[in-house]
Protein backbone atom coordinates (compact mmCIF):
# COMPACT_ATOMS: atom_id res chain seq x y z
CA MET A 1 -27.61 119.04 -156.82
CA GLY A 2 -29.46 117.18 -159.68
CA GLY A 3 -28.67 114.37 -158.51
CA LEU A 4 -30.93 111.54 -157.16
CA SER A 5 -29.78 110.44 -154.11
CA ILE A 6 -30.83 106.85 -152.78
CA TRP A 7 -33.70 108.31 -149.97
CA HIS A 8 -35.23 110.44 -153.88
CA TRP A 9 -35.50 107.33 -154.97
CA LEU A 10 -36.62 105.45 -151.73
CA ILE A 11 -39.39 108.18 -151.37
CA VAL A 12 -40.39 107.40 -155.34
CA LEU A 13 -40.34 103.37 -154.88
CA VAL A 14 -43.02 104.29 -151.60
CA VAL A 15 -45.12 106.15 -153.68
CA VAL A 16 -45.84 103.45 -156.35
CA ILE A 17 -45.81 100.88 -154.38
CA ALA A 18 -49.32 102.45 -152.05
CA VAL A 19 -49.91 103.53 -155.86
CA PHE A 20 -50.40 100.52 -157.93
CA GLY A 21 -49.39 97.73 -155.08
CA THR A 22 -47.30 94.93 -154.79
CA LYS A 23 -49.28 92.34 -156.53
CA LYS A 24 -49.86 94.31 -158.91
CA LEU A 25 -46.26 95.25 -159.08
CA ARG A 26 -45.76 91.71 -159.05
CA ASN A 27 -47.55 91.46 -162.15
CA VAL A 28 -46.33 93.82 -163.89
CA GLY A 29 -42.60 92.40 -163.44
CA SER A 30 -43.22 88.55 -164.39
CA ASP A 31 -45.47 90.05 -167.64
CA LEU A 32 -42.43 92.04 -168.45
CA GLY A 33 -40.01 89.46 -168.06
CA ALA A 34 -42.01 86.84 -169.57
CA ALA A 35 -42.12 89.70 -172.39
CA VAL A 36 -37.85 90.37 -172.89
CA LYS A 37 -37.65 86.17 -172.55
CA GLY A 38 -40.39 86.03 -175.88
CA PHE A 39 -38.47 88.13 -177.73
CA LYS A 40 -34.80 86.50 -177.00
CA ASP A 41 -36.53 83.88 -178.02
CA GLY A 42 -38.33 85.14 -181.54
CA MET A 43 -34.73 86.73 -182.26
CA LYS A 44 -33.22 83.20 -182.25
CA ASP A 45 -35.61 82.03 -184.14
CA GLY A 46 -35.59 84.21 -186.21
CA SER A 47 -32.54 82.40 -188.09
CA ALA A 48 -32.44 79.06 -188.09
CA ASP A 49 -36.21 77.22 -187.07
CA PRO A 50 -35.73 73.22 -186.78
CA GLN A 51 -39.44 73.22 -187.00
CA ALA A 52 -40.08 75.10 -189.78
CA PRO A 53 -39.09 73.19 -193.24
CA ALA A 54 -37.16 75.69 -195.56
CA ALA A 55 -39.55 75.01 -198.33
CA PRO A 56 -42.68 73.19 -198.90
CA ALA A 57 -42.32 69.88 -200.62
CA GLN A 58 -43.22 70.12 -203.66
CA GLN A 59 -45.86 66.70 -204.75
CA VAL A 60 -46.96 66.18 -208.16
CA ALA A 61 -50.45 63.16 -208.46
CA ASN A 62 -49.79 60.15 -210.30
CA SER A 63 -53.32 61.05 -210.91
CA LYS A 64 -53.00 63.83 -213.18
CA VAL A 65 -50.40 62.92 -216.04
CA ASN A 66 -52.74 61.45 -217.89
CA ASP A 67 -55.49 63.28 -217.52
CA PRO A 68 -57.50 65.03 -220.93
CA ASN A 69 -58.27 68.86 -219.81
CA THR A 70 -53.67 68.85 -219.24
CA VAL A 71 -51.77 70.81 -221.25
CA ASP A 72 -47.94 70.03 -221.93
CA VAL A 73 -46.58 73.14 -223.50
CA ASP A 74 -42.81 74.46 -224.11
CA ALA A 75 -41.85 77.83 -222.47
CA LYS A 76 -40.30 79.93 -225.13
CA THR A 77 -37.80 82.86 -224.51
CA LYS A 78 -38.23 85.67 -226.39
CA SER A 79 -35.52 87.52 -227.79
């Protein structure tokens, strides 16, 4: 008595199709499939992204070496 038979599910399916229409349900299904695929790709690419560099490259401009406004100091640790 507590379980739903196949006939109950068929009636529910017919009511859902009558309310939303087959075109709307097809669009929802394709959108849901694309969302699941995007989520899986995001989880796979999240750990190792081959296109993104691990750390940005450090660049030193040679013209700044002899700049009179540059101060070269040594950092001292506080003990």
